Amino acid sequence: MLRTVVDRRSGNVSIDDCVHLTREIQHLISEKQLLTEDYRLEVSSPGLDYPLRDEWQFAKNVGRLVKLQIPGEKGPREISGRLLSADATGIAVTGEKTEWKLSYSDVLSAHVLPEFKPPRMESKP
């Protein structure tokens, strides 16, 4: 099983991108004879459960809800809020009553949270 996760610094990865990459990887494996046995190849984009690790991943998700694990007095603690900014120095996240400014080294783990907007109600005259 070969699993490849692809992302880009701006924009989203489309199904067509995944199909194209699958064909390119299969061609490379065949041409270079990298595998002699049967294999299964999976090419996908990162889902919501995929962790944010690099500065560009945080920057790409500014404005989204995130859940972070940060060091606490009694071990790791979880915080969640909206990612306000991400730059070379770190990130800013705002919760309901608190705003955190964190360096990347303070973030033990980070994930984007799903956000569902309620349907718009049509106003009746």
PDB file of N, CA and C in Angstrom:
ATOM      1  N   MET A   1       0.845  -1.176   0.000  1.00  0.00           N
ATOM      2  CA  MET A   1       0.000   0.000   0.000  1.00  0.00           C
ATOM      3  C   MET A   1       0.887   1.234   0.000  1.00  0.00           C
ATOM      4  N   LEU A   2       0.717   2.081  -0.976  1.00  0.00           N
ATOM      5  CA  LEU A   2       1.414   3.361  -1.043  1.00  0.00           C
ATOM      6  C   LEU A   2       0.364   4.451  -0.860  1.00  0.00           C
ATOM      7  N   ARG A   3       0.560   5.279   0.129  1.00  0.00           N
ATOM      8  CA  ARG A   3      -0.388   6.357   0.396  1.00  0.00           C
ATOM      9  C   ARG A   3       0.337   7.684   0.221  1.00  0.00           C
ATOM     10  N   THR A   4      -0.227   8.544  -0.631  1.00  0.00           N
ATOM     11  CA  THR A   4       0.349   9.851  -0.899  1.00  0.00           C
ATOM     12  C   THR A   4      -0.685  10.911  -0.577  1.00  0.00           C
ATOM     13  N   VAL A   5      -0.300  11.868   0.251  1.00  0.00           N
ATOM     14  CA  VAL A   5      -1.175  12.987   0.587  1.00  0.00           C
ATOM     15  C   VAL A   5      -0.582  14.226  -0.060  1.00  0.00           C
ATOM     16  N   VAL A   6      -1.381  14.905  -0.881  1.00  0.00           N
ATOM     17  CA  VAL A   6      -0.907  16.088  -1.596  1.00  0.00           C
ATOM     18  C   VAL A   6      -1.684  17.317  -1.149  1.00  0.00           C
ATOM     19  N   ASP A   7      -0.982  18.419  -1.082  1.00  0.00           N
ATOM     20  CA  ASP A   7      -1.601  19.688  -0.716  1.00  0.00           C
ATOM     21  C   ASP A   7      -0.883  20.764  -1.502  1.00  0.00           C
ATOM     22  N   ARG A   8      -1.454  21.926  -1.509  1.00  0.00           N
ATOM     23  CA  ARG A   8      -0.791  23.057  -2.151  1.00  0.00           C
ATOM     24  C   ARG A   8      -0.902  24.270  -1.256  1.00  0.00           C
ATOM     25  N   ARG A   9       0.016  25.175  -1.440  1.00  0.00           N
ATOM     26  CA  ARG A   9       0.086  26.356  -0.571  1.00  0.00           C
ATOM     27  C   ARG A   9      -1.101  27.286  -0.744  1.00  0.00           C
ATOM     28  N   SER A  10      -1.694  27.299  -1.905  1.00  0.00           N
ATOM     29  CA  SER A  10      -2.900  28.106  -2.106  1.00  0.00           C
ATOM     30  C   SER A  10      -3.878  27.309  -2.952  1.00  0.00           C
ATOM     31  N   GLY A  11      -5.142  27.506  -2.688  1.00  0.00           N
ATOM     32  CA  GLY A  11      -6.157  26.767  -3.421  1.00  0.00           C
ATOM     33  C   GLY A  11      -6.311  25.362  -2.875  1.00  0.00           C
ATOM     34  N   ASN A  12      -7.202  24.628  -3.506  1.00  0.00           N
ATOM     35  CA  ASN A  12      -7.491  23.266  -3.067  1.00  0.00           C
ATOM     36  C   ASN A  12      -6.994  22.254  -4.079  1.00  0.00           C
ATOM     37  N   VAL A  13      -6.828  21.038  -3.648  1.00  0.00           N
ATOM     38  CA  VAL A  13      -6.459  19.934  -4.524  1.00  0.00           C
ATOM     39  C   VAL A  13      -7.758  19.323  -5.056  1.00  0.00           C
ATOM     40  N   SER A  14      -7.871  19.216  -6.366  1.00  0.00           N
ATOM     41  CA  SER A  14      -9.088  18.684  -6.980  1.00  0.00           C
ATOM     42  C   SER A  14      -8.965  17.176  -7.223  1.00  0.00           C
ATOM     43  N   ILE A  15     -10.077  16.575  -7.540  1.00  0.00           N
ATOM     44  CA  ILE A  15     -10.076  15.150  -7.908  1.00  0.00           C
ATOM     45  C   ILE A  15      -9.221  14.953  -9.149  1.00  0.00           C
ATOM     46  N   ASP A  16      -9.315  15.884 -10.105  1.00  0.00           N
ATOM     47  CA  ASP A  16      -8.495  15.791 -11.320  1.00  0.00           C
ATOM     48  C   ASP A  16      -7.003  15.829 -10.991  1.00  0.00           C
ATOM     49  N   ASP A  17      -6.620  16.643 -10.000  1.00  0.00           N
ATOM     50  CA  ASP A  17      -5.217  16.676  -9.570  1.00  0.00           C
ATOM     51  C   ASP A  17      -4.793  15.307  -9.045  1.00  0.00           C
ATOM     52  N   CYS A  18      -5.648  14.684  -8.244  1.00  0.00           N
ATOM     53  CA  CYS A  18      -5.336  13.368  -7.674  1.00  0.00           C
ATOM     54  C   CYS A  18      -5.227  12.306  -8.769  1.00  0.00           C
ATOM     55  N   VAL A  19      -6.119  12.357  -9.748  1.00  0.00           N
ATOM     56  CA  VAL A  19      -6.078  11.408 -10.874  1.00  0.00           C
ATOM     57  C   VAL A  19      -4.776  11.591 -11.647  1.00  0.00           C
ATOM     58  N   HIS A  20      -4.421  12.836 -11.941  1.00  0.00           N
ATOM     59  CA  HIS A  20      -3.191  13.118 -12.680  1.00  0.00           C
ATOM     60  C   HIS A  20      -1.963  12.605 -11.922  1.00  0.00           C
ATOM     61  N   LEU A  21      -1.904  12.885 -10.632  1.00  0.00           N
ATOM     62  CA  LEU A  21      -0.768  12.425  -9.831  1.00  0.00           C
ATOM     63  C   LEU A  21      -0.707  10.912  -9.732  1.00  0.00           C
ATOM     64  N   THR A  22      -1.864  10.268  -9.629  1.00  0.00           N
ATOM     65  CA  THR A  22      -1.904   8.802  -9.592  1.00  0.00           C
ATOM     66  C   THR A  22      -1.264   8.228 -10.847  1.00  0.00           C
ATOM     67  N   ARG A  23      -1.648   8.765 -11.996  1.00  0.00           N
ATOM     68  CA  ARG A  23      -1.088   8.280 -13.271  1.00  0.00           C
ATOM     69  C   ARG A  23       0.414   8.534 -13.353  1.00  0.00           C
ATOM     70  N   GLU A  24       0.843   9.703 -12.903  1.00  0.00           N
ATOM     71  CA  GLU A  24       2.272  10.032 -12.931  1.00  0.00           C
ATOM     72  C   GLU A  24       3.076   9.091 -12.027  1.00  0.00           C
ATOM     73  N   ILE A  25       2.565   8.833 -10.835  1.00  0.00           N
ATOM     74  CA  ILE A  25       3.265   7.949  -9.902  1.00  0.00           C
ATOM     75  C   ILE A  25       3.293   6.519 -10.436  1.00  0.00           C
ATOM     76  N   GLN A  26       2.170   6.035 -10.979  1.00  0.00           N
ATOM     77  CA  GLN A  26       2.132   4.697 -11.551  1.00  0.00           C
ATOM     78  C   GLN A  26       3.133   4.565 -12.699  1.00  0.00           C
ATOM     79  N   HIS A  27       3.204   5.599 -13.524  1.00  0.00           N
ATOM     80  CA  HIS A  27       4.152   5.591 -14.640  1.00  0.00           C
ATOM     81  C   HIS A  27       5.596   5.529 -14.127  1.00  0.00           C
ATOM     82  N   LEU A  28       5.900   6.307 -13.116  1.00  0.00           N
ATOM     83  CA  LEU A  28       7.245   6.331 -12.535  1.00  0.00           C
ATOM     84  C   LEU A  28       7.600   4.970 -11.930  1.00  0.00           C
ATOM     85  N   ILE A  29       6.675   4.371 -11.203  1.00  0.00           N
ATOM     86  CA  ILE A  29       6.926   3.055 -10.591  1.00  0.00           C
ATOM     87  C   ILE A  29       7.203   2.017 -11.669  1.00  0.00           C
ATOM     88  N   SER A  30       6.407   2.061 -12.729  1.00  0.00           N
ATOM     89  CA  SER A  30       6.579   1.099 -13.822  1.00  0.00           C
ATOM     90  C   SER A  30       7.883   1.348 -14.578  1.00  0.00           C
ATOM     91  N   GLU A  31       8.137   2.592 -14.945  1.00  0.00           N
ATOM     92  CA  GLU A  31       9.322   2.937 -15.732  1.00  0.00           C
ATOM     93  C   GLU A  31      10.619   2.606 -14.994  1.00  0.00           C
ATOM     94  N   LYS A  32      10.669   2.913 -13.723  1.00  0.00           N
ATOM     95  CA  LYS A  32      11.879   2.686 -12.929  1.00  0.00           C
ATOM     96  C   LYS A  32      11.902   1.299 -12.282  1.00  0.00           C
ATOM     97  N   GLN A  33      10.844   0.534 -12.491  1.00  0.00           N
ATOM     98  CA  GLN A  33      10.698  -0.805 -11.902  1.00  0.00           C
ATOM     99  C   GLN A  33      10.980  -0.760 -10.395  1.00  0.00           C
ATOM    100  N   LEU A  34      10.296   0.168  -9.723  1.00  0.00           N
ATOM    101  CA  LEU A  34      10.504   0.361  -8.295  1.00  0.00           C
ATOM    102  C   LEU A  34       9.865  -0.730  -7.451  1.00  0.00           C
ATOM    103  N   LEU A  35       8.774  -1.311  -7.955  1.00  0.00           N
ATOM    104  CA  LEU A  35       8.090  -2.377  -7.222  1.00  0.00           C
ATOM    105  C   LEU A  35       7.913  -3.580  -8.142  1.00  0.00           C
ATOM    106  N   THR A  36       8.219  -4.728  -7.630  1.00  0.00           N
ATOM    107  CA  THR A  36       8.071  -5.942  -8.441  1.00  0.00           C
ATOM    108  C   THR A  36       6.793  -6.699  -8.080  1.00  0.00           C
ATOM    109  N   GLU A  37       6.195  -6.365  -6.946  1.00  0.00           N
ATOM    110  CA  GLU A  37       4.959  -7.025  -6.515  1.00  0.00           C
ATOM    111  C   GLU A  37       3.771  -6.111  -6.792  1.00  0.00           C
ATOM    112  N   ASP A  38       2.568  -6.687  -6.691  1.00  0.00           N
ATOM    113  CA  ASP A  38       1.367  -5.880  -6.812  1.00  0.00           C
ATOM    114  C   ASP A  38       1.336  -4.854  -5.687  1.00  0.00           C
ATOM    115  N   TYR A  39       0.771  -3.733  -5.970  1.00  0.00           N
ATOM    116  CA  TYR A  39       0.665  -2.685  -4.957  1.00  0.00           C
ATOM    117  C   TYR A  39      -0.664  -1.956  -5.134  1.00  0.00           C
ATOM    118  N   ARG A  40      -1.032  -1.274  -4.096  1.00  0.00           N
ATOM    119  CA  ARG A  40      -2.226  -0.432  -4.132  1.00  0.00           C
ATOM    120  C   ARG A  40      -1.754   0.995  -3.881  1.00  0.00           C
ATOM    121  N   LEU A  41      -2.180   1.917  -4.735  1.00  0.00           N
ATOM    122  CA  LEU A  41      -1.766   3.309  -4.647  1.00  0.00           C
ATOM    123  C   LEU A  41      -2.971   4.168  -4.294  1.00  0.00           C
ATOM    124  N   GLU A  42      -2.803   5.004  -3.275  1.00  0.00           N
ATOM    125  CA  GLU A  42      -3.867   5.916  -2.861  1.00  0.00           C
ATOM    126  C   GLU A  42      -3.304   7.329  -2.872  1.00  0.00           C
ATOM    127  N   VAL A  43      -3.920   8.215  -3.632  1.00  0.00           N
ATOM    128  CA  VAL A  43      -3.514   9.621  -3.693  1.00  0.00           C
ATOM    129  C   VAL A  43      -4.713  10.446  -3.252  1.00  0.00           C
ATOM    130  N   SER A  44      -4.530  11.268  -2.228  1.00  0.00           N
ATOM    131  CA  SER A  44      -5.640  12.069  -1.721  1.00  0.00           C
ATOM    132  C   SER A  44      -5.137  13.406  -1.194  1.00  0.00           C
ATOM    133  N   SER A  45      -6.090  14.288  -0.955  1.00  0.00           N
ATOM    134  CA  SER A  45      -5.752  15.561  -0.317  1.00  0.00           C
ATOM    135  C   SER A  45      -5.969  15.399   1.180  1.00  0.00           C
ATOM    136  N   PRO A  46      -5.344  16.251   1.982  1.00  0.00           N
ATOM    137  CA  PRO A  46      -5.516  16.112   3.429  1.00  0.00           C
ATOM    138  C   PRO A  46      -6.948  16.449   3.837  1.00  0.00           C
ATOM    139  N   GLY A  47      -7.494  15.670   4.742  1.00  0.00           N
ATOM    140  CA  GLY A  47      -8.827  15.936   5.258  1.00  0.00           C
ATOM    141  C   GLY A  47      -8.741  16.824   6.487  1.00  0.00           C
ATOM    142  N   LEU A  48      -9.884  17.074   7.106  1.00  0.00           N
ATOM    143  CA  LEU A  48      -9.909  17.917   8.296  1.00  0.00           C
ATOM    144  C   LEU A  48      -9.092  17.318   9.432  1.00  0.00           C
ATOM    145  N   ASP A  49      -8.981  15.998   9.461  1.00  0.00           N
ATOM    146  CA  ASP A  49      -8.252  15.365  10.554  1.00  0.00           C
ATOM    147  C   ASP A  49      -6.733  15.394  10.341  1.00  0.00           C
ATOM    148  N   TYR A  50      -6.306  15.897   9.193  1.00  0.00           N
ATOM    149  CA  TYR A  50      -4.876  15.964   8.907  1.00  0.00           C
ATOM    150  C   TYR A  50      -4.262  17.115   9.703  1.00  0.00           C
ATOM    151  N   PRO A  51      -3.204  16.886  10.446  1.00  0.00           N
ATOM    152  CA  PRO A  51      -2.644  17.936  11.305  1.00  0.00           C
ATOM    153  C   PRO A  51      -1.970  19.060  10.521  1.00  0.00           C
ATOM    154  N   LEU A  52      -2.066  20.267  11.064  1.00  0.00           N
ATOM    155  CA  LEU A  52      -1.318  21.403  10.537  1.00  0.00           C
ATOM    156  C   LEU A  52       0.066  21.352  11.181  1.00  0.00           C
ATOM    157  N   ARG A  53       1.107  21.429  10.357  1.00  0.00           N
ATOM    158  CA  ARG A  53       2.461  21.325  10.891  1.00  0.00           C
ATOM    159  C   ARG A  53       3.351  22.490  10.488  1.00  0.00           C
ATOM    160  N   ASP A  54       3.210  22.921   9.237  1.00  0.00           N
ATOM    161  CA  ASP A  54       4.116  23.924   8.702  1.00  0.00           C
ATOM    162  C   ASP A  54       3.463  25.302   8.665  1.00  0.00           C
ATOM    163  N   GLU A  55       4.303  26.325   8.673  1.00  0.00           N
ATOM    164  CA  GLU A  55       3.809  27.705   8.666  1.00  0.00           C
ATOM    165  C   GLU A  55       2.823  27.939   7.521  1.00  0.00           C
ATOM    166  N   TRP A  56       3.136  27.445   6.312  1.00  0.00           N
ATOM    167  CA  TRP A  56       2.258  27.693   5.171  1.00  0.00           C
ATOM    168  C   TRP A  56       0.893  27.038   5.352  1.00  0.00           C
ATOM    169  N   GLN A  57       0.823  25.904   6.086  1.00  0.00           N
ATOM    170  CA  GLN A  57      -0.461  25.255   6.331  1.00  0.00           C
ATOM    171  C   GLN A  57      -1.329  26.113   7.261  1.00  0.00           C
ATOM    172  N   PHE A  58      -0.701  26.707   8.273  1.00  0.00           N
ATOM    173  CA  PHE A  58      -1.430  27.615   9.151  1.00  0.00           C
ATOM    174  C   PHE A  58      -1.897  28.834   8.357  1.00  0.00           C
ATOM    175  N   ALA A  59      -1.014  29.427   7.557  1.00  0.00           N
ATOM    176  CA  ALA A  59      -1.360  30.618   6.779  1.00  0.00           C
ATOM    177  C   ALA A  59      -2.513  30.331   5.819  1.00  0.00           C
ATOM    178  N   LYS A  60      -2.528  29.159   5.229  1.00  0.00           N
ATOM    179  CA  LYS A  60      -3.589  28.778   4.295  1.00  0.00           C
ATOM    180  C   LYS A  60      -4.944  28.691   4.998  1.00  0.00           C
ATOM    181  N   ASN A  61      -4.934  28.429   6.295  1.00  0.00           N
ATOM    182  CA  ASN A  61      -6.181  28.212   7.038  1.00  0.00           C
ATOM    183  C   ASN A  61      -6.572  29.381   7.943  1.00  0.00           C
ATOM    184  N   VAL A  62      -5.957  30.551   7.748  1.00  0.00           N
ATOM    185  CA  VAL A  62      -6.350  31.742   8.513  1.00  0.00           C
ATOM    186  C   VAL A  62      -7.842  32.001   8.264  1.00  0.00           C
ATOM    187  N   GLY A  63      -8.554  32.277   9.355  1.00  0.00           N
ATOM    188  CA  GLY A  63      -9.990  32.521   9.268  1.00  0.00           C
ATOM    189  C   GLY A  63     -10.832  31.307   9.617  1.00  0.00           C
ATOM    190  N   ARG A  64     -10.210  30.147   9.694  1.00  0.00           N
ATOM    191  CA  ARG A  64     -10.950  28.919  10.006  1.00  0.00           C
ATOM    192  C   ARG A  64     -10.871  28.603  11.494  1.00  0.00           C
ATOM    193  N   LEU A  65     -11.793  27.765  11.941  1.00  0.00           N
ATOM    194  CA  LEU A  65     -11.768  27.300  13.325  1.00  0.00           C
ATOM    195  C   LEU A  65     -10.715  26.212  13.465  1.00  0.00           C
ATOM    196  N   VAL A  66      -9.962  26.272  14.555  1.00  0.00           N
ATOM    197  CA  VAL A  66      -8.920  25.273  14.790  1.00  0.00           C
ATOM    198  C   VAL A  66      -8.982  24.774  16.226  1.00  0.00           C
ATOM    199  N   LYS A  67      -8.481  23.567  16.413  1.00  0.00           N
ATOM    200  CA  LYS A  67      -8.313  22.998  17.753  1.00  0.00           C
ATOM    201  C   LYS A  67      -6.826  22.749  17.927  1.00  0.00           C
ATOM    202  N   LEU A  68      -6.269  23.286  19.015  1.00  0.00           N
ATOM    203  CA  LEU A  68      -4.840  23.165  19.275  1.00  0.00           C
ATOM    204  C   LEU A  68      -4.608  22.451  20.590  1.00  0.00           C
ATOM    205  N   GLN A  69      -3.510  21.762  20.649  1.00  0.00           N
ATOM    206  CA  GLN A  69      -3.039  21.222  21.914  1.00  0.00           C
ATOM    207  C   GLN A  69      -1.758  21.986  22.235  1.00  0.00           C
ATOM    208  N   ILE A  70      -1.731  22.600  23.439  1.00  0.00           N
ATOM    209  CA  ILE A  70      -0.582  23.397  23.858  1.00  0.00           C
ATOM    210  C   ILE A  70      -0.135  22.929  25.245  1.00  0.00           C
ATOM    211  N   PRO A  71       1.093  23.248  25.640  1.00  0.00           N
ATOM    212  CA  PRO A  71       1.538  22.859  26.975  1.00  0.00           C
ATOM    213  C   PRO A  71       0.720  23.581  28.056  1.00  0.00           C
ATOM    214  N   GLY A  72       0.419  22.868  29.128  1.00  0.00           N
ATOM    215  CA  GLY A  72      -0.271  23.442  30.273  1.00  0.00           C
ATOM    216  C   GLY A  72       0.506  23.117  31.535  1.00  0.00           C
ATOM    217  N   GLU A  73       0.079  23.657  32.649  1.00  0.00           N
ATOM    218  CA  GLU A  73       0.775  23.417  33.913  1.00  0.00           C
ATOM    219  C   GLU A  73       0.755  21.948  34.312  1.00  0.00           C
ATOM    220  N   LYS A  74      -0.349  21.264  34.017  1.00  0.00           N
ATOM    221  CA  LYS A  74      -0.500  19.852  34.397  1.00  0.00           C
ATOM    222  C   LYS A  74      -0.509  18.943  33.185  1.00  0.00           C
ATOM    223  N   GLY A  75       0.205  19.312  32.160  1.00  0.00           N
ATOM    224  CA  GLY A  75       0.235  18.527  30.938  1.00  0.00           C
ATOM    225  C   GLY A  75      -0.455  19.263  29.805  1.00  0.00           C
ATOM    226  N   PRO A  76      -0.522  18.637  28.621  1.00  0.00           N
ATOM    227  CA  PRO A  76      -1.123  19.306  27.460  1.00  0.00           C
ATOM    228  C   PRO A  76      -2.579  19.695  27.720  1.00  0.00           C
ATOM    229  N   ARG A  77      -2.970  20.851  27.171  1.00  0.00           N
ATOM    230  CA  ARG A  77      -4.365  21.275  27.264  1.00  0.00           C
ATOM    231  C   ARG A  77      -4.853  21.666  25.876  1.00  0.00           C
ATOM    232  N   GLU A  78      -6.159  21.552  25.678  1.00  0.00           N
ATOM    233  CA  GLU A  78      -6.760  21.869  24.390  1.00  0.00           C
ATOM    234  C   GLU A  78      -7.384  23.246  24.413  1.00  0.00           C
ATOM    235  N   ILE A  79      -7.181  23.965  23.328  1.00  0.00           N
ATOM    236  CA  ILE A  79      -7.883  25.226  23.126  1.00  0.00           C
ATOM    237  C   ILE A  79      -8.457  25.203  21.713  1.00  0.00           C
ATOM    238  N   SER A  80      -9.511  25.945  21.494  1.00  0.00           N
ATOM    239  CA  SER A  80     -10.053  26.058  20.145  1.00  0.00           C
ATOM    240  C   SER A  80     -10.538  27.476  19.925  1.00  0.00           C
ATOM    241  N   GLY A  81     -10.507  27.892  18.693  1.00  0.00           N
ATOM    242  CA  GLY A  81     -10.930  29.228  18.323  1.00  0.00           C
ATOM    243  C   GLY A  81     -10.647  29.479  16.861  1.00  0.00           C
ATOM    244  N   ARG A  82     -10.799  30.725  16.465  1.00  0.00           N
ATOM    245  CA  ARG A  82     -10.579  31.100  15.073  1.00  0.00           C
ATOM    246  C   ARG A  82      -9.130  31.532  14.883  1.00  0.00           C
ATOM    247  N   LEU A  83      -8.502  30.985  13.862  1.00  0.00           N
ATOM    248  CA  LEU A  83      -7.119  31.324  13.528  1.00  0.00           C
ATOM    249  C   LEU A  83      -7.107  32.713  12.886  1.00  0.00           C
ATOM    250  N   LEU A  84      -6.557  33.686  13.603  1.00  0.00           N
ATOM    251  CA  LEU A  84      -6.558  35.079  13.143  1.00  0.00           C
ATOM    252  C   LEU A  84      -5.408  35.397  12.201  1.00  0.00           C
ATOM    253  N   SER A  85      -4.241  34.844  12.508  1.00  0.00           N
ATOM    254  CA  SER A  85      -3.065  35.147  11.690  1.00  0.00           C
ATOM    255  C   SER A  85      -2.027  34.052  11.846  1.00  0.00           C
ATOM    256  N   ALA A  86      -1.148  33.996  10.870  1.00  0.00           N
ATOM    257  CA  ALA A  86      -0.015  33.063  10.892  1.00  0.00           C
ATOM    258  C   ALA A  86       1.110  33.704  10.096  1.00  0.00           C
ATOM    259  N   ASP A  87       2.254  33.855  10.727  1.00  0.00           N
ATOM    260  CA  ASP A  87       3.416  34.410  10.045  1.00  0.00           C
ATOM    261  C   ASP A  87       4.663  33.694  10.558  1.00  0.00           C
ATOM    262  N   ALA A  88       5.827  34.215  10.231  1.00  0.00           N
ATOM    263  CA  ALA A  88       7.076  33.550  10.597  1.00  0.00           C
ATOM    264  C   ALA A  88       7.269  33.446  12.102  1.00  0.00           C
ATOM    265  N   THR A  89       6.642  34.329  12.875  1.00  0.00           N
ATOM    266  CA  THR A  89       6.836  34.316  14.328  1.00  0.00           C
ATOM    267  C   THR A  89       5.875  33.381  15.056  1.00  0.00           C
ATOM    268  N   GLY A  90       4.743  33.071  14.455  1.00  0.00           N
ATOM    269  CA  GLY A  90       3.773  32.199  15.104  1.00  0.00           C
ATOM    270  C   GLY A  90       2.357  32.496  14.665  1.00  0.00           C
ATOM    271  N   ILE A  91       1.396  32.152  15.530  1.00  0.00           N
ATOM    272  CA  ILE A  91      -0.012  32.281  15.182  1.00  0.00           C
ATOM    273  C   ILE A  91      -0.768  33.053  16.261  1.00  0.00           C
ATOM    274  N   ALA A  92      -1.927  33.579  15.868  1.00  0.00           N
ATOM    275  CA  ALA A  92      -2.853  34.199  16.811  1.00  0.00           C
ATOM    276  C   ALA A  92      -4.196  33.498  16.638  1.00  0.00           C
ATOM    277  N   VAL A  93      -4.787  33.115  17.761  1.00  0.00           N
ATOM    278  CA  VAL A  93      -6.077  32.416  17.775  1.00  0.00           C
ATOM    279  C   VAL A  93      -6.979  33.133  18.767  1.00  0.00           C
ATOM    280  N   THR A  94      -8.230  33.342  18.378  1.00  0.00           N
ATOM    281  CA  THR A  94      -9.161  33.970  19.305  1.00  0.00           C
ATOM    282  C   THR A  94     -10.295  33.009  19.640  1.00  0.00           C
ATOM    283  N   GLY A  95     -10.568  32.900  20.939  1.00  0.00           N
ATOM    284  CA  GLY A  95     -11.685  32.098  21.426  1.00  0.00           C
ATOM    285  C   GLY A  95     -12.814  33.031  21.816  1.00  0.00           C
ATOM    286  N   GLU A  96     -13.773  32.530  22.573  1.00  0.00           N
ATOM    287  CA  GLU A  96     -14.897  33.365  22.973  1.00  0.00           C
ATOM    288  C   GLU A  96     -14.462  34.532  23.857  1.00  0.00           C
ATOM    289  N   LYS A  97     -13.539  34.282  24.772  1.00  0.00           N
ATOM    290  CA  LYS A  97     -13.134  35.329  25.718  1.00  0.00           C
ATOM    291  C   LYS A  97     -11.633  35.568  25.759  1.00  0.00           C
ATOM    292  N   THR A  98     -10.867  34.790  25.008  1.00  0.00           N
ATOM    293  CA  THR A  98      -9.412  34.855  25.110  1.00  0.00           C
ATOM    294  C   THR A  98      -8.785  34.903  23.730  1.00  0.00           C
ATOM    295  N   GLU A  99      -7.662  35.603  23.638  1.00  0.00           N
ATOM    296  CA  GLU A  99      -6.865  35.564  22.423  1.00  0.00           C
ATOM    297  C   GLU A  99      -5.479  35.050  22.796  1.00  0.00           C
ATOM    298  N   TRP A 100      -4.989  34.094  22.029  1.00  0.00           N
ATOM    299  CA  TRP A 100      -3.675  33.517  22.280  1.00  0.00           C
ATOM    300  C   TRP A 100      -2.740  33.903  21.151  1.00  0.00           C
ATOM    301  N   LYS A 101      -1.524  34.263  21.509  1.00  0.00           N
ATOM    302  CA  LYS A 101      -0.447  34.452  20.543  1.00  0.00           C
ATOM    303  C   LYS A 101       0.588  33.380  20.878  1.00  0.00           C
ATOM    304  N   LEU A 102       0.823  32.493  19.930  1.00  0.00           N
ATOM    305  CA  LEU A 102       1.670  31.331  20.180  1.00  0.00           C
ATOM    306  C   LEU A 102       2.768  31.225  19.138  1.00  0.00           C
ATOM    307  N   SER A 103       3.933  30.804  19.580  1.00  0.00           N
ATOM    308  CA  SER A 103       4.979  30.454  18.622  1.00  0.00           C
ATOM    309  C   SER A 103       4.686  29.036  18.139  1.00  0.00           C
ATOM    310  N   TYR A 104       5.225  28.681  17.013  1.00  0.00           N
ATOM    311  CA  TYR A 104       4.975  27.339  16.468  1.00  0.00           C
ATOM    312  C   TYR A 104       5.487  26.258  17.413  1.00  0.00           C
ATOM    313  N   SER A 105       6.537  26.555  18.147  1.00  0.00           N
ATOM    314  CA  SER A 105       7.083  25.560  19.074  1.00  0.00           C
ATOM    315  C   SER A 105       6.143  25.306  20.260  1.00  0.00           C
ATOM    316  N   ASP A 106       5.200  26.231  20.517  1.00  0.00           N
ATOM    317  CA  ASP A 106       4.215  26.045  21.593  1.00  0.00           C
ATOM    318  C   ASP A 106       3.049  25.154  21.180  1.00  0.00           C
ATOM    319  N   VAL A 107       2.906  24.903  19.890  1.00  0.00           N
ATOM    320  CA  VAL A 107       1.769  24.121  19.385  1.00  0.00           C
ATOM    321  C   VAL A 107       2.176  22.655  19.303  1.00  0.00           C
ATOM    322  N   LEU A 108       1.574  21.837  20.160  1.00  0.00           N
ATOM    323  CA  LEU A 108       1.872  20.403  20.158  1.00  0.00           C
ATOM    324  C   LEU A 108       1.153  19.693  19.024  1.00  0.00           C
ATOM    325  N   SER A 109      -0.092  20.108  18.751  1.00  0.00           N
ATOM    326  CA  SER A 109      -0.839  19.597  17.608  1.00  0.00           C
ATOM    327  C   SER A 109      -1.896  20.623  17.224  1.00  0.00           C
ATOM    328  N   ALA A 110      -2.301  20.589  15.953  1.00  0.00           N
ATOM    329  CA  ALA A 110      -3.301  21.539  15.448  1.00  0.00           C
ATOM    330  C   ALA A 110      -4.110  20.881  14.346  1.00  0.00           C
ATOM    331  N   HIS A 111      -5.428  21.090  14.410  1.00  0.00           N
ATOM    332  CA  HIS A 111      -6.340  20.561  13.396  1.00  0.00           C
ATOM    333  C   HIS A 111      -7.396  21.611  13.076  1.00  0.00           C
ATOM    334  N   VAL A 112      -7.847  21.615  11.830  1.00  0.00           N
ATOM    335  CA  VAL A 112      -8.960  22.469  11.429  1.00  0.00           C
ATOM    336  C   VAL A 112     -10.248  21.790  11.882  1.00  0.00           C
ATOM    337  N   LEU A 113     -11.175  22.579  12.404  1.00  0.00           N
ATOM    338  CA  LEU A 113     -12.467  22.047  12.836  1.00  0.00           C
ATOM    339  C   LEU A 113     -13.509  22.241  11.742  1.00  0.00           C
ATOM    340  N   PRO A 114     -14.423  21.294  11.599  1.00  0.00           N
ATOM    341  CA  PRO A 114     -15.505  21.488  10.622  1.00  0.00           C
ATOM    342  C   PRO A 114     -16.393  22.636  11.072  1.00  0.00           C
ATOM    343  N   GLU A 115     -16.880  23.372  10.124  1.00  0.00           N
ATOM    344  CA  GLU A 115     -17.745  24.506  10.435  1.00  0.00           C
ATOM    345  C   GLU A 115     -18.940  24.454   9.494  1.00  0.00           C
ATOM    346  N   PHE A 116     -20.096  24.314  10.068  1.00  0.00           N
ATOM    347  CA  PHE A 116     -21.316  24.236   9.282  1.00  0.00           C
ATOM    348  C   PHE A 116     -22.142  25.481   9.526  1.00  0.00           C
ATOM    349  N   LYS A 117     -22.522  26.129   8.450  1.00  0.00           N
ATOM    350  CA  LYS A 117     -23.336  27.326   8.575  1.00  0.00           C
ATOM    351  C   LYS A 117     -24.805  26.927   8.498  1.00  0.00           C
ATOM    352  N   PRO A 118     -25.649  27.509   9.353  1.00  0.00           N
ATOM    353  CA  PRO A 118     -27.076  27.177   9.277  1.00  0.00           C
ATOM    354  C   PRO A 118     -27.651  27.673   7.963  1.00  0.00           C
ATOM    355  N   PRO A 119     -28.675  26.999   7.446  1.00  0.00           N
ATOM    356  CA  PRO A 119     -29.258  27.440   6.173  1.00  0.00           C
ATOM    357  C   PRO A 119     -29.879  28.827   6.338  1.00  0.00           C
ATOM    358  N   ARG A 120     -29.767  29.599   5.287  1.00  0.00           N
ATOM    359  CA  ARG A 120     -30.360  30.940   5.309  1.00  0.00           C
ATOM    360  C   ARG A 120     -31.865  30.810   5.198  1.00  0.00           C
ATOM    361  N   MET A 121     -32.542  31.528   6.026  1.00  0.00           N
ATOM    362  CA  MET A 121     -33.998  31.518   6.014  1.00  0.00           C
ATOM    363  C   MET A 121     -34.480  32.644   5.096  1.00  0.00           C
ATOM    364  N   GLU A 122     -35.361  32.289   4.198  1.00  0.00           N
ATOM    365  CA  GLU A 122     -35.943  33.285   3.320  1.00  0.00           C
ATOM    366  C   GLU A 122     -36.920  34.128   4.137  1.00  0.00           C
ATOM    367  N   SER A 123     -36.814  35.440   4.052  1.00  0.00           N
ATOM    368  CA  SER A 123     -37.772  36.285   4.760  1.00  0.00           C
ATOM    369  C   SER A 123     -39.036  36.423   3.933  1.00  0.00           C
ATOM    370  N   LYS A 124     -40.161  36.290   4.592  1.00  0.00           N
ATOM    371  CA  LYS A 124     -41.440  36.379   3.901  1.00  0.00           C
ATOM    372  C   LYS A 124     -41.965  37.802   4.013  1.00  0.00           C
ATOM    373  N   PRO A 125     -42.518  38.333   2.917  1.00  0.00           N
ATOM    374  CA  PRO A 125     -43.026  39.711   2.949  1.00  0.00           C
ATOM    375  C   PRO A 125     -44.240  39.854   3.835  1.00  0.00           C
TER     376      PRO A 125
END
